[in-house]
Amino acid sequence: MDSIQHLLQLIAGLGILNVWLLRYNQGTPYRGGTAANMKAEFANYGLPNWSVYLIGGLKITAALALILGVYFEALIVPFASLLGLLMVGALLMHLKVKDPFKKSVPALVLLALCIGIIALAT
């Protein structure tokens, strides 16, 4: 089971790093509203500019911790929980702006990954 858990951790961690480090300034079909980049997405949600950096910092930290959790088990549950909570927030933001369901799929998948990681780790 450890290998499945580790695979889920790597998928979740690398997925978040991809979005926040590689695709930060790019449009994707999953951005909220009509946003062309991360800052515009947060603006569409009606969130203040500083929240992009706070949420981004938390997500990047959680992603790195999940990757490191392959070697440091104590990191897994707290940071999978944090990332799961952030995904609930992302889902609520998509609902707030009445996005089509398709735009919520990445957050929903990451939430499911976090739940799976926690279930396998406990």
PDB file of N, CA and C in Angstrom:
ATOM      1  N   MET A   1       0.809  -1.211   0.000  1.00  0.00           N
ATOM      2  CA  MET A   1       0.000   0.000   0.000  1.00  0.00           C
ATOM      3  C   MET A   1       0.850   1.271   0.000  1.00  0.00           C
ATOM      4  N   ASP A   2       2.055   1.159   0.562  1.00  0.00           N
ATOM      5  CA  ASP A   2       2.926   2.338   0.595  1.00  0.00           C
ATOM      6  C   ASP A   2       3.203   2.879  -0.797  1.00  0.00           C
ATOM      7  N   SER A   3       3.403   1.980  -1.758  1.00  0.00           N
ATOM      8  CA  SER A   3       3.722   2.452  -3.106  1.00  0.00           C
ATOM      9  C   SER A   3       2.542   3.186  -3.730  1.00  0.00           C
ATOM     10  N   ILE A   4       1.322   2.747  -3.477  1.00  0.00           N
ATOM     11  CA  ILE A   4       0.141   3.458  -3.984  1.00  0.00           C
ATOM     12  C   ILE A   4       0.034   4.820  -3.317  1.00  0.00           C
ATOM     13  N   GLN A   5       0.218   4.850  -2.012  1.00  0.00           N
ATOM     14  CA  GLN A   5       0.169   6.118  -1.281  1.00  0.00           C
ATOM     15  C   GLN A   5       1.232   7.070  -1.795  1.00  0.00           C
ATOM     16  N   HIS A   6       2.438   6.586  -1.980  1.00  0.00           N
ATOM     17  CA  HIS A   6       3.527   7.434  -2.478  1.00  0.00           C
ATOM     18  C   HIS A   6       3.224   7.945  -3.884  1.00  0.00           C
ATOM     19  N   LEU A   7       2.634   7.109  -4.715  1.00  0.00           N
ATOM     20  CA  LEU A   7       2.255   7.532  -6.058  1.00  0.00           C
ATOM     21  C   LEU A   7       1.223   8.650  -5.995  1.00  0.00           C
ATOM     22  N   LEU A   8       0.224   8.512  -5.126  1.00  0.00           N
ATOM     23  CA  LEU A   8      -0.790   9.560  -4.962  1.00  0.00           C
ATOM     24  C   LEU A   8      -0.155  10.860  -4.472  1.00  0.00           C
ATOM     25  N   GLN A   9       0.792  10.743  -3.542  1.00  0.00           N
ATOM     26  CA  GLN A   9       1.489  11.928  -3.026  1.00  0.00           C
ATOM     27  C   GLN A   9       2.239  12.640  -4.147  1.00  0.00           C
ATOM     28  N   LEU A  10       2.937  11.869  -4.970  1.00  0.00           N
ATOM     29  CA  LEU A  10       3.706  12.461  -6.063  1.00  0.00           C
ATOM     30  C   LEU A  10       2.790  13.088  -7.114  1.00  0.00           C
ATOM     31  N   ILE A  11       1.698  12.437  -7.431  1.00  0.00           N
ATOM     32  CA  ILE A  11       0.749  12.993  -8.407  1.00  0.00           C
ATOM     33  C   ILE A  11       0.183  14.309  -7.884  1.00  0.00           C
ATOM     34  N   ALA A  12      -0.254  14.320  -6.631  1.00  0.00           N
ATOM     35  CA  ALA A  12      -0.827  15.541  -6.051  1.00  0.00           C
ATOM     36  C   ALA A  12       0.228  16.639  -5.965  1.00  0.00           C
ATOM     37  N   GLY A  13       1.387  16.314  -5.444  1.00  0.00           N
ATOM     38  CA  GLY A  13       2.440  17.313  -5.275  1.00  0.00           C
ATOM     39  C   GLY A  13       2.914  17.889  -6.596  1.00  0.00           C
ATOM     40  N   LEU A  14       3.207  17.036  -7.545  1.00  0.00           N
ATOM     41  CA  LEU A  14       3.690  17.519  -8.846  1.00  0.00           C
ATOM     42  C   LEU A  14       2.595  18.251  -9.611  1.00  0.00           C
ATOM     43  N   GLY A  15       1.349  17.834  -9.430  1.00  0.00           N
ATOM     44  CA  GLY A  15       0.231  18.533 -10.071  1.00  0.00           C
ATOM     45  C   GLY A  15       0.112  19.975  -9.585  1.00  0.00           C
ATOM     46  N   ILE A  16       0.211  20.158  -8.292  1.00  0.00           N
ATOM     47  CA  ILE A  16       0.138  21.514  -7.719  1.00  0.00           C
ATOM     48  C   ILE A  16       1.332  22.345  -8.176  1.00  0.00           C
ATOM     49  N   LEU A  17       2.524  21.774  -8.140  1.00  0.00           N
ATOM     50  CA  LEU A  17       3.707  22.521  -8.579  1.00  0.00           C
ATOM     51  C   LEU A  17       3.591  22.907 -10.052  1.00  0.00           C
ATOM     52  N   ASN A  18       3.021  22.047 -10.870  1.00  0.00           N
ATOM     53  CA  ASN A  18       2.803  22.363 -12.276  1.00  0.00           C
ATOM     54  C   ASN A  18       1.911  23.594 -12.436  1.00  0.00           C
ATOM     55  N   VAL A  19       0.808  23.613 -11.713  1.00  0.00           N
ATOM     56  CA  VAL A  19      -0.152  24.721 -11.825  1.00  0.00           C
ATOM     57  C   VAL A  19       0.443  26.020 -11.286  1.00  0.00           C
ATOM     58  N   TRP A  20       1.094  25.953 -10.134  1.00  0.00           N
ATOM     59  CA  TRP A  20       1.541  27.172  -9.462  1.00  0.00           C
ATOM     60  C   TRP A  20       2.912  27.668  -9.898  1.00  0.00           C
ATOM     61  N   LEU A  21       3.737  26.804 -10.474  1.00  0.00           N
ATOM     62  CA  LEU A  21       5.072  27.249 -10.890  1.00  0.00           C
ATOM     63  C   LEU A  21       5.226  27.303 -12.412  1.00  0.00           C
ATOM     64  N   LEU A  22       4.672  26.348 -13.121  1.00  0.00           N
ATOM     65  CA  LEU A  22       4.847  26.313 -14.571  1.00  0.00           C
ATOM     66  C   LEU A  22       3.713  27.001 -15.332  1.00  0.00           C
ATOM     67  N   ARG A  23       2.493  26.919 -14.824  1.00  0.00           N
ATOM     68  CA  ARG A  23       1.331  27.458 -15.543  1.00  0.00           C
ATOM     69  C   ARG A  23       0.721  28.696 -14.881  1.00  0.00           C
ATOM     70  N   TYR A  24       1.431  29.276 -13.959  1.00  0.00           N
ATOM     71  CA  TYR A  24       0.935  30.419 -13.193  1.00  0.00           C
ATOM     72  C   TYR A  24       0.443  31.559 -14.099  1.00  0.00           C
ATOM     73  N   ASN A  25       1.201  31.880 -15.122  1.00  0.00           N
ATOM     74  CA  ASN A  25       0.850  32.996 -16.009  1.00  0.00           C
ATOM     75  C   ASN A  25       0.180  32.543 -17.302  1.00  0.00           C
ATOM     76  N   GLN A  26      -0.304  31.326 -17.321  1.00  0.00           N
ATOM     77  CA  GLN A  26      -0.946  30.799 -18.519  1.00  0.00           C
ATOM     78  C   GLN A  26      -2.429  30.555 -18.291  1.00  0.00           C
ATOM     79  N   GLY A  27      -3.188  30.711 -19.345  1.00  0.00           N
ATOM     80  CA  GLY A  27      -4.591  30.357 -19.284  1.00  0.00           C
ATOM     81  C   GLY A  27      -4.750  28.853 -19.441  1.00  0.00           C
ATOM     82  N   THR A  28      -5.753  28.303 -18.806  1.00  0.00           N
ATOM     83  CA  THR A  28      -6.094  26.892 -18.978  1.00  0.00           C
ATOM     84  C   THR A  28      -7.622  26.812 -19.040  1.00  0.00           C
ATOM     85  N   PRO A  29      -8.158  25.720 -19.531  1.00  0.00           N
ATOM     86  CA  PRO A  29      -9.621  25.573 -19.564  1.00  0.00           C
ATOM     87  C   PRO A  29     -10.249  25.479 -18.170  1.00  0.00           C
ATOM     88  N   TYR A  30      -9.415  25.374 -17.140  1.00  0.00           N
ATOM     89  CA  TYR A  30      -9.930  25.173 -15.781  1.00  0.00           C
ATOM     90  C   TYR A  30      -9.863  26.421 -14.908  1.00  0.00           C
ATOM     91  N   ARG A  31      -9.334  27.507 -15.405  1.00  0.00           N
ATOM     92  CA  ARG A  31      -9.271  28.751 -14.629  1.00  0.00           C
ATOM     93  C   ARG A  31     -10.682  29.262 -14.364  1.00  0.00           C
ATOM     94  N   GLY A  32     -10.856  29.835 -13.189  1.00  0.00           N
ATOM     95  CA  GLY A  32     -12.160  30.361 -12.816  1.00  0.00           C
ATOM     96  C   GLY A  32     -12.590  31.525 -13.692  1.00  0.00           C
ATOM     97  N   GLY A  33     -13.862  31.551 -14.003  1.00  0.00           N
ATOM     98  CA  GLY A  33     -14.404  32.629 -14.828  1.00  0.00           C
ATOM     99  C   GLY A  33     -13.733  32.647 -16.187  1.00  0.00           C
ATOM    100  N   THR A  34     -13.311  33.837 -16.590  1.00  0.00           N
ATOM    101  CA  THR A  34     -12.643  33.995 -17.890  1.00  0.00           C
ATOM    102  C   THR A  34     -11.162  34.325 -17.708  1.00  0.00           C
ATOM    103  N   ALA A  35     -10.601  33.970 -16.584  1.00  0.00           N
ATOM    104  CA  ALA A  35      -9.222  34.338 -16.239  1.00  0.00           C
ATOM    105  C   ALA A  35      -8.201  33.737 -17.198  1.00  0.00           C
ATOM    106  N   ALA A  36      -7.192  34.552 -17.520  1.00  0.00           N
ATOM    107  CA  ALA A  36      -6.103  34.105 -18.387  1.00  0.00           C
ATOM    108  C   ALA A  36      -4.859  33.718 -17.594  1.00  0.00           C
ATOM    109  N   ASN A  37      -4.843  34.002 -16.269  1.00  0.00           N
ATOM    110  CA  ASN A  37      -3.711  33.640 -15.422  1.00  0.00           C
ATOM    111  C   ASN A  37      -4.185  33.562 -13.974  1.00  0.00           C
ATOM    112  N   MET A  38      -3.281  33.212 -13.090  1.00  0.00           N
ATOM    113  CA  MET A  38      -3.652  32.979 -11.695  1.00  0.00           C
ATOM    114  C   MET A  38      -4.179  34.240 -11.009  1.00  0.00           C
ATOM    115  N   LYS A  39      -3.500  35.370 -11.203  1.00  0.00           N
ATOM    116  CA  LYS A  39      -3.954  36.610 -10.554  1.00  0.00           C
ATOM    117  C   LYS A  39      -5.347  37.000 -11.025  1.00  0.00           C
ATOM    118  N   ALA A  40      -5.609  36.861 -12.307  1.00  0.00           N
ATOM    119  CA  ALA A  40      -6.936  37.188 -12.836  1.00  0.00           C
ATOM    120  C   ALA A  40      -7.990  36.223 -12.293  1.00  0.00           C
ATOM    121  N   GLU A  41      -7.602  34.974 -12.085  1.00  0.00           N
ATOM    122  CA  GLU A  41      -8.542  34.000 -11.526  1.00  0.00           C
ATOM    123  C   GLU A  41      -8.970  34.414 -10.116  1.00  0.00           C
ATOM    124  N   PHE A  42      -8.016  34.798  -9.293  1.00  0.00           N
ATOM    125  CA  PHE A  42      -8.346  35.231  -7.932  1.00  0.00           C
ATOM    126  C   PHE A  42      -9.180  36.513  -7.962  1.00  0.00           C
ATOM    127  N   ALA A  43      -8.892  37.407  -8.901  1.00  0.00           N
ATOM    128  CA  ALA A  43      -9.699  38.620  -9.051  1.00  0.00           C
ATOM    129  C   ALA A  43     -11.136  38.261  -9.440  1.00  0.00           C
ATOM    130  N   ASN A  44     -11.298  37.268 -10.309  1.00  0.00           N
ATOM    131  CA  ASN A  44     -12.649  36.812 -10.689  1.00  0.00           C
ATOM    132  C   ASN A  44     -13.427  36.310  -9.484  1.00  0.00           C
ATOM    133  N   TYR A  45     -12.721  35.720  -8.538  1.00  0.00           N
ATOM    134  CA  TYR A  45     -13.369  35.214  -7.326  1.00  0.00           C
ATOM    135  C   TYR A  45     -13.671  36.329  -6.327  1.00  0.00           C
ATOM    136  N   GLY A  46     -13.196  37.541  -6.610  1.00  0.00           N
ATOM    137  CA  GLY A  46     -13.408  38.654  -5.697  1.00  0.00           C
ATOM    138  C   GLY A  46     -12.454  38.639  -4.515  1.00  0.00           C
ATOM    139  N   LEU A  47     -11.332  37.941  -4.659  1.00  0.00           N
ATOM    140  CA  LEU A  47     -10.358  37.846  -3.568  1.00  0.00           C
ATOM    141  C   LEU A  47      -9.297  38.931  -3.712  1.00  0.00           C
ATOM    142  N   PRO A  48      -8.737  39.410  -2.602  1.00  0.00           N
ATOM    143  CA  PRO A  48      -7.697  40.439  -2.678  1.00  0.00           C
ATOM    144  C   PRO A  48      -6.408  39.892  -3.293  1.00  0.00           C
ATOM    145  N   ASN A  49      -5.620  40.781  -3.860  1.00  0.00           N
ATOM    146  CA  ASN A  49      -4.378  40.395  -4.552  1.00  0.00           C
ATOM    147  C   ASN A  49      -3.433  39.604  -3.642  1.00  0.00           C
ATOM    148  N   TRP A  50      -3.332  39.976  -2.372  1.00  0.00           N
ATOM    149  CA  TRP A  50      -2.414  39.288  -1.465  1.00  0.00           C
ATOM    150  C   TRP A  50      -2.786  37.821  -1.267  1.00  0.00           C
ATOM    151  N   SER A  51      -4.063  37.475  -1.476  1.00  0.00           N
ATOM    152  CA  SER A  51      -4.505  36.092  -1.256  1.00  0.00           C
ATOM    153  C   SER A  51      -3.881  35.123  -2.262  1.00  0.00           C
ATOM    154  N   VAL A  52      -3.519  35.631  -3.457  1.00  0.00           N
ATOM    155  CA  VAL A  52      -2.842  34.779  -4.444  1.00  0.00           C
ATOM    156  C   VAL A  52      -1.546  34.252  -3.843  1.00  0.00           C
ATOM    157  N   TYR A  53      -0.802  35.120  -3.189  1.00  0.00           N
ATOM    158  CA  TYR A  53       0.498  34.746  -2.626  1.00  0.00           C
ATOM    159  C   TYR A  53       0.337  33.854  -1.391  1.00  0.00           C
ATOM    160  N   LEU A  54      -0.643  34.144  -0.562  1.00  0.00           N
ATOM    161  CA  LEU A  54      -0.890  33.319   0.619  1.00  0.00           C
ATOM    162  C   LEU A  54      -1.309  31.911   0.206  1.00  0.00           C
ATOM    163  N   ILE A  55      -2.331  31.812  -0.638  1.00  0.00           N
ATOM    164  CA  ILE A  55      -2.826  30.506  -1.068  1.00  0.00           C
ATOM    165  C   ILE A  55      -1.747  29.768  -1.865  1.00  0.00           C
ATOM    166  N   GLY A  56      -1.074  30.489  -2.751  1.00  0.00           N
ATOM    167  CA  GLY A  56       0.002  29.879  -3.526  1.00  0.00           C
ATOM    168  C   GLY A  56       1.109  29.341  -2.639  1.00  0.00           C
ATOM    169  N   GLY A  57       1.506  30.118  -1.648  1.00  0.00           N
ATOM    170  CA  GLY A  57       2.544  29.671  -0.714  1.00  0.00           C
ATOM    171  C   GLY A  57       2.118  28.433   0.049  1.00  0.00           C
ATOM    172  N   LEU A  58       0.870  28.417   0.488  1.00  0.00           N
ATOM    173  CA  LEU A  58       0.359  27.252   1.217  1.00  0.00           C
ATOM    174  C   LEU A  58       0.312  26.020   0.319  1.00  0.00           C
ATOM    175  N   LYS A  59      -0.148  26.209  -0.927  1.00  0.00           N
ATOM    176  CA  LYS A  59      -0.254  25.069  -1.846  1.00  0.00           C
ATOM    177  C   LYS A  59       1.122  24.538  -2.239  1.00  0.00           C
ATOM    178  N   ILE A  60       2.059  25.423  -2.510  1.00  0.00           N
ATOM    179  CA  ILE A  60       3.410  24.989  -2.870  1.00  0.00           C
ATOM    180  C   ILE A  60       4.072  24.279  -1.688  1.00  0.00           C
ATOM    181  N   THR A  61       3.896  24.820  -0.489  1.00  0.00           N
ATOM    182  CA  THR A  61       4.444  24.181   0.713  1.00  0.00           C
ATOM    183  C   THR A  61       3.845  22.792   0.904  1.00  0.00           C
ATOM    184  N   ALA A  62       2.527  22.685   0.768  1.00  0.00           N
ATOM    185  CA  ALA A  62       1.867  21.387   0.924  1.00  0.00           C
ATOM    186  C   ALA A  62       2.341  20.407  -0.145  1.00  0.00           C
ATOM    187  N   ALA A  63       2.495  20.879  -1.383  1.00  0.00           N
ATOM    188  CA  ALA A  63       2.954  20.012  -2.470  1.00  0.00           C
ATOM    189  C   ALA A  63       4.357  19.479  -2.193  1.00  0.00           C
ATOM    190  N   LEU A  64       5.246  20.365  -1.790  1.00  0.00           N
ATOM    191  CA  LEU A  64       6.614  19.939  -1.474  1.00  0.00           C
ATOM    192  C   LEU A  64       6.635  18.975  -0.288  1.00  0.00           C
ATOM    193  N   ALA A  65       5.799  19.250   0.709  1.00  0.00           N
ATOM    194  CA  ALA A  65       5.733  18.375   1.881  1.00  0.00           C
ATOM    195  C   ALA A  65       5.212  16.990   1.508  1.00  0.00           C
ATOM    196  N   LEU A  66       4.242  16.920   0.588  1.00  0.00           N
ATOM    197  CA  LEU A  66       3.754  15.603   0.161  1.00  0.00           C
ATOM    198  C   LEU A  66       4.837  14.825  -0.579  1.00  0.00           C
ATOM    199  N   ILE A  67       5.606  15.525  -1.393  1.00  0.00           N
ATOM    200  CA  ILE A  67       6.709  14.865  -2.091  1.00  0.00           C
ATOM    201  C   ILE A  67       7.758  14.390  -1.076  1.00  0.00           C
ATOM    202  N   LEU A  68       8.119  15.260  -0.146  1.00  0.00           N
ATOM    203  CA  LEU A  68       9.082  14.881   0.896  1.00  0.00           C
ATOM    204  C   LEU A  68       8.521  13.813   1.828  1.00  0.00           C
ATOM    205  N   GLY A  69       7.199  13.745   1.907  1.00  0.00           N
ATOM    206  CA  GLY A  69       6.542  12.747   2.751  1.00  0.00           C
ATOM    207  C   GLY A  69       6.858  11.321   2.359  1.00  0.00           C
ATOM    208  N   VAL A  70       7.344  11.120   1.137  1.00  0.00           N
ATOM    209  CA  VAL A  70       7.796   9.797   0.719  1.00  0.00           C
ATOM    210  C   VAL A  70       8.922   9.338   1.651  1.00  0.00           C
ATOM    211  N   TYR A  71       9.705  10.295   2.139  1.00  0.00           N
ATOM    212  CA  TYR A  71      10.829   9.996   3.033  1.00  0.00           C
ATOM    213  C   TYR A  71      10.565  10.367   4.491  1.00  0.00           C
ATOM    214  N   PHE A  72       9.691  11.347   4.708  1.00  0.00           N
ATOM    215  CA  PHE A  72       9.386  11.834   6.060  1.00  0.00           C
ATOM    216  C   PHE A  72       7.891  11.682   6.321  1.00  0.00           C
ATOM    217  N   GLU A  73       7.518  10.537   6.854  1.00  0.00           N
ATOM    218  CA  GLU A  73       6.123  10.143   7.025  1.00  0.00           C
ATOM    219  C   GLU A  73       5.292  11.146   7.827  1.00  0.00           C
ATOM    220  N   ALA A  74       5.901  11.823   8.774  1.00  0.00           N
ATOM    221  CA  ALA A  74       5.169  12.751   9.641  1.00  0.00           C
ATOM    222  C   ALA A  74       4.570  13.923   8.862  1.00  0.00           C
ATOM    223  N   LEU A  75       5.044  14.189   7.674  1.00  0.00           N
ATOM    224  CA  LEU A  75       4.534  15.305   6.871  1.00  0.00           C
ATOM    225  C   LEU A  75       3.225  14.975   6.155  1.00  0.00           C
ATOM    226  N   ILE A  76       2.946  13.715   5.966  1.00  0.00           N
ATOM    227  CA  ILE A  76       1.877  13.308   5.050  1.00  0.00           C
ATOM    228  C   ILE A  76       0.496  13.782   5.474  1.00  0.00           C
ATOM    229  N   VAL A  77       0.031  13.367   6.630  1.00  0.00           N
ATOM    230  CA  VAL A  77      -1.352  13.663   7.023  1.00  0.00           C
ATOM    231  C   VAL A  77      -1.593  15.164   7.207  1.00  0.00           C
ATOM    232  N   PRO A  78      -0.709  15.897   7.901  1.00  0.00           N
ATOM    233  CA  PRO A  78      -0.985  17.331   8.053  1.00  0.00           C
ATOM    234  C   PRO A  78      -1.047  18.078   6.718  1.00  0.00           C
ATOM    235  N   PHE A  79      -0.139  17.756   5.801  1.00  0.00           N
ATOM    236  CA  PHE A  79      -0.103  18.521   4.559  1.00  0.00           C
ATOM    237  C   PHE A  79      -1.110  18.019   3.529  1.00  0.00           C
ATOM    238  N   ALA A  80      -1.467  16.745   3.568  1.00  0.00           N
ATOM    239  CA  ALA A  80      -2.574  16.260   2.727  1.00  0.00           C
ATOM    240  C   ALA A  80      -3.879  16.883   3.223  1.00  0.00           C
ATOM    241  N   SER A  81      -4.005  17.052   4.531  1.00  0.00           N
ATOM    242  CA  SER A  81      -5.195  17.696   5.101  1.00  0.00           C
ATOM    243  C   SER A  81      -5.264  19.162   4.691  1.00  0.00           C
ATOM    244  N   LEU A  82      -4.146  19.863   4.774  1.00  0.00           N
ATOM    245  CA  LEU A  82      -4.099  21.264   4.360  1.00  0.00           C
ATOM    246  C   LEU A  82      -4.466  21.398   2.889  1.00  0.00           C
ATOM    247  N   LEU A  83      -3.860  20.579   2.048  1.00  0.00           N
ATOM    248  CA  LEU A  83      -4.151  20.665   0.616  1.00  0.00           C
ATOM    249  C   LEU A  83      -5.608  20.311   0.335  1.00  0.00           C
ATOM    250  N   GLY A  84      -6.138  19.318   1.026  1.00  0.00           N
ATOM    251  CA  GLY A  84      -7.557  18.971   0.871  1.00  0.00           C
ATOM    252  C   GLY A  84      -8.466  20.128   1.250  1.00  0.00           C
ATOM    253  N   LEU A  85      -8.152  20.796   2.342  1.00  0.00           N
ATOM    254  CA  LEU A  85      -8.932  21.958   2.770  1.00  0.00           C
ATOM    255  C   LEU A  85      -8.861  23.079   1.724  1.00  0.00           C
ATOM    256  N   LEU A  86      -7.680  23.298   1.176  1.00  0.00           N
ATOM    257  CA  LEU A  86      -7.533  24.312   0.127  1.00  0.00           C
ATOM    258  C   LEU A  86      -8.335  23.936  -1.119  1.00  0.00           C
ATOM    259  N   MET A  87      -8.450  22.648  -1.408  1.00  0.00           N
ATOM    260  CA  MET A  87      -9.246  22.208  -2.559  1.00  0.00           C
ATOM    261  C   MET A  87     -10.739  22.419  -2.306  1.00  0.00           C
ATOM    262  N   VAL A  88     -11.169  22.260  -1.073  1.00  0.00           N
ATOM    263  CA  VAL A  88     -12.562  22.581  -0.737  1.00  0.00           C
ATOM    264  C   VAL A  88     -12.809  24.064  -0.996  1.00  0.00           C
ATOM    265  N   GLY A  89     -11.849  24.901  -0.601  1.00  0.00           N
ATOM    266  CA  GLY A  89     -11.960  26.337  -0.879  1.00  0.00           C
ATOM    267  C   GLY A  89     -12.013  26.618  -2.368  1.00  0.00           C
ATOM    268  N   ALA A  90     -11.200  25.924  -3.148  1.00  0.00           N
ATOM    269  CA  ALA A  90     -11.208  26.106  -4.607  1.00  0.00           C
ATOM    270  C   ALA A  90     -12.565  25.721  -5.187  1.00  0.00           C
ATOM    271  N   LEU A  91     -13.123  24.624  -4.708  1.00  0.00           N
ATOM    272  CA  LEU A  91     -14.449  24.208  -5.179  1.00  0.00           C
ATOM    273  C   LEU A  91     -15.508  25.251  -4.845  1.00  0.00           C
ATOM    274  N   LEU A  92     -15.424  25.809  -3.646  1.00  0.00           N
ATOM    275  CA  LEU A  92     -16.384  26.850  -3.250  1.00  0.00           C
ATOM    276  C   LEU A  92     -16.255  28.099  -4.127  1.00  0.00           C
ATOM    277  N   MET A  93     -15.022  28.440  -4.509  1.00  0.00           N
ATOM    278  CA  MET A  93     -14.818  29.601  -5.385  1.00  0.00           C
ATOM    279  C   MET A  93     -15.417  29.347  -6.773  1.00  0.00           C
ATOM    280  N   HIS A  94     -15.260  28.147  -7.297  1.00  0.00           N
ATOM    281  CA  HIS A  94     -15.861  27.819  -8.591  1.00  0.00           C
ATOM    282  C   HIS A  94     -17.393  27.907  -8.509  1.00  0.00           C
ATOM    283  N   LEU A  95     -17.955  27.454  -7.391  1.00  0.00           N
ATOM    284  CA  LEU A  95     -19.402  27.582  -7.193  1.00  0.00           C
ATOM    285  C   LEU A  95     -19.819  29.043  -7.094  1.00  0.00           C
ATOM    286  N   LYS A  96     -19.017  29.829  -6.395  1.00  0.00           N
ATOM    287  CA  LYS A  96     -19.321  31.245  -6.189  1.00  0.00           C
ATOM    288  C   LYS A  96     -19.492  31.987  -7.514  1.00  0.00           C
ATOM    289  N   VAL A  97     -18.613  31.694  -8.481  1.00  0.00           N
ATOM    290  CA  VAL A  97     -18.678  32.398  -9.764  1.00  0.00           C
ATOM    291  C   VAL A  97     -19.489  31.625 -10.810  1.00  0.00           C
ATOM    292  N   LYS A  98     -20.143  30.551 -10.354  1.00  0.00           N
ATOM    293  CA  LYS A  98     -21.013  29.749 -11.218  1.00  0.00           C
ATOM    294  C   LYS A  98     -20.289  29.182 -12.442  1.00  0.00           C
ATOM    295  N   ASP A  99     -19.081  28.711 -12.209  1.00  0.00           N
ATOM    296  CA  ASP A  99     -18.328  28.048 -13.270  1.00  0.00           C
ATOM    297  C   ASP A  99     -19.018  26.753 -13.667  1.00  0.00           C
ATOM    298  N   PRO A 100     -18.843  26.328 -14.923  1.00  0.00           N
ATOM    299  CA  PRO A 100     -19.336  24.997 -15.295  1.00  0.00           C
ATOM    300  C   PRO A 100     -18.556  23.925 -14.528  1.00  0.00           C
ATOM    301  N   PHE A 101     -19.173  22.769 -14.355  1.00  0.00           N
ATOM    302  CA  PHE A 101     -18.572  21.688 -13.571  1.00  0.00           C
ATOM    303  C   PHE A 101     -17.157  21.348 -14.032  1.00  0.00           C
ATOM    304  N   LYS A 102     -16.907  21.387 -15.328  1.00  0.00           N
ATOM    305  CA  LYS A 102     -15.597  21.037 -15.898  1.00  0.00           C
ATOM    306  C   LYS A 102     -14.454  21.782 -15.208  1.00  0.00           C
ATOM    307  N   LYS A 103     -14.695  23.043 -14.846  1.00  0.00           N
ATOM    308  CA  LYS A 103     -13.631  23.844 -14.229  1.00  0.00           C
ATOM    309  C   LYS A 103     -13.314  23.400 -12.809  1.00  0.00           C
ATOM    310  N   SER A 104     -14.228  22.677 -12.189  1.00  0.00           N
ATOM    311  CA  SER A 104     -14.028  22.185 -10.823  1.00  0.00           C
ATOM    312  C   SER A 104     -13.346  20.827 -10.768  1.00  0.00           C
ATOM    313  N   VAL A 105     -13.230  20.161 -11.905  1.00  0.00           N
ATOM    314  CA  VAL A 105     -12.699  18.792 -11.920  1.00  0.00           C
ATOM    315  C   VAL A 105     -11.292  18.689 -11.328  1.00  0.00           C
ATOM    316  N   PRO A 106     -10.332  19.567 -11.688  1.00  0.00           N
ATOM    317  CA  PRO A 106      -8.999  19.422 -11.077  1.00  0.00           C
ATOM    318  C   PRO A 106      -9.018  19.525  -9.549  1.00  0.00           C
ATOM    319  N   ALA A 107      -9.778  20.464  -9.007  1.00  0.00           N
ATOM    320  CA  ALA A 107      -9.855  20.599  -7.547  1.00  0.00           C
ATOM    321  C   ALA A 107     -10.527  19.377  -6.928  1.00  0.00           C
ATOM    322  N   LEU A 108     -11.533  18.853  -7.593  1.00  0.00           N
ATOM    323  CA  LEU A 108     -12.225  17.667  -7.098  1.00  0.00           C
ATOM    324  C   LEU A 108     -11.298  16.448  -7.117  1.00  0.00           C
ATOM    325  N   VAL A 109     -10.524  16.296  -8.186  1.00  0.00           N
ATOM    326  CA  VAL A 109      -9.574  15.185  -8.278  1.00  0.00           C
ATOM    327  C   VAL A 109      -8.503  15.309  -7.186  1.00  0.00           C
ATOM    328  N   LEU A 110      -7.976  16.521  -6.995  1.00  0.00           N
ATOM    329  CA  LEU A 110      -6.960  16.706  -5.954  1.00  0.00           C
ATOM    330  C   LEU A 110      -7.529  16.459  -4.561  1.00  0.00           C
ATOM    331  N   LEU A 111      -8.772  16.857  -4.339  1.00  0.00           N
ATOM    332  CA  LEU A 111      -9.416  16.574  -3.054  1.00  0.00           C
ATOM    333  C   LEU A 111      -9.513  15.055  -2.856  1.00  0.00           C
ATOM    334  N   ALA A 112      -9.920  14.338  -3.896  1.00  0.00           N
ATOM    335  CA  ALA A 112     -10.012  12.877  -3.803  1.00  0.00           C
ATOM    336  C   ALA A 112      -8.635  12.257  -3.544  1.00  0.00           C
ATOM    337  N   LEU A 113      -7.600  12.776  -4.207  1.00  0.00           N
ATOM    338  CA  LEU A 113      -6.236  12.291  -3.952  1.00  0.00           C
ATOM    339  C   LEU A 113      -5.851  12.499  -2.496  1.00  0.00           C
ATOM    340  N   CYS A 114      -6.147  13.677  -1.963  1.00  0.00           N
ATOM    341  CA  CYS A 114      -5.813  13.973  -0.558  1.00  0.00           C
ATOM    342  C   CYS A 114      -6.543  13.039   0.397  1.00  0.00           C
ATOM    343  N   ILE A 115      -7.809  12.787   0.120  1.00  0.00           N
ATOM    344  CA  ILE A 115      -8.573  11.870   0.961  1.00  0.00           C
ATOM    345  C   ILE A 115      -7.973  10.463   0.895  1.00  0.00           C
ATOM    346  N   GLY A 116      -7.591  10.039  -0.312  1.00  0.00           N
ATOM    347  CA  GLY A 116      -6.948   8.738  -0.472  1.00  0.00           C
ATOM    348  C   GLY A 116      -5.616   8.655   0.250  1.00  0.00           C
ATOM    349  N   ILE A 117      -4.831   9.702   0.164  1.00  0.00           N
ATOM    350  CA  ILE A 117      -3.528   9.747   0.842  1.00  0.00           C
ATOM    351  C   ILE A 117      -3.723   9.615   2.352  1.00  0.00           C
ATOM    352  N   ILE A 118      -4.658  10.388   2.876  1.00  0.00           N
ATOM    353  CA  ILE A 118      -4.913  10.349   4.321  1.00  0.00           C
ATOM    354  C   ILE A 118      -5.418   8.974   4.745  1.00  0.00           C
ATOM    355  N   ALA A 119      -6.317   8.404   3.971  1.00  0.00           N
ATOM    356  CA  ALA A 119      -6.869   7.070   4.304  1.00  0.00           C
ATOM    357  C   ALA A 119      -5.760   6.014   4.310  1.00  0.00           C
ATOM    358  N   LEU A 120      -4.867   6.089   3.344  1.00  0.00           N
ATOM    359  CA  LEU A 120      -3.791   5.099   3.280  1.00  0.00           C
ATOM    360  C   LEU A 120      -2.718   5.314   4.349  1.00  0.00           C
ATOM    361  N   ALA A 121      -2.564   6.572   4.792  1.00  0.00           N
ATOM    362  CA  ALA A 121      -1.526   6.902   5.767  1.00  0.00           C
ATOM    363  C   ALA A 121      -1.958   6.615   7.202  1.00  0.00           C
ATOM    364  N   THR A 122      -3.246   6.469   7.417  1.00  0.00           N
ATOM    365  CA  THR A 122      -3.719   6.275   8.815  1.00  0.00           C
ATOM    366  C   THR A 122      -4.156   4.853   9.072  1.00  0.00           C
TER     367      THR A 122
END
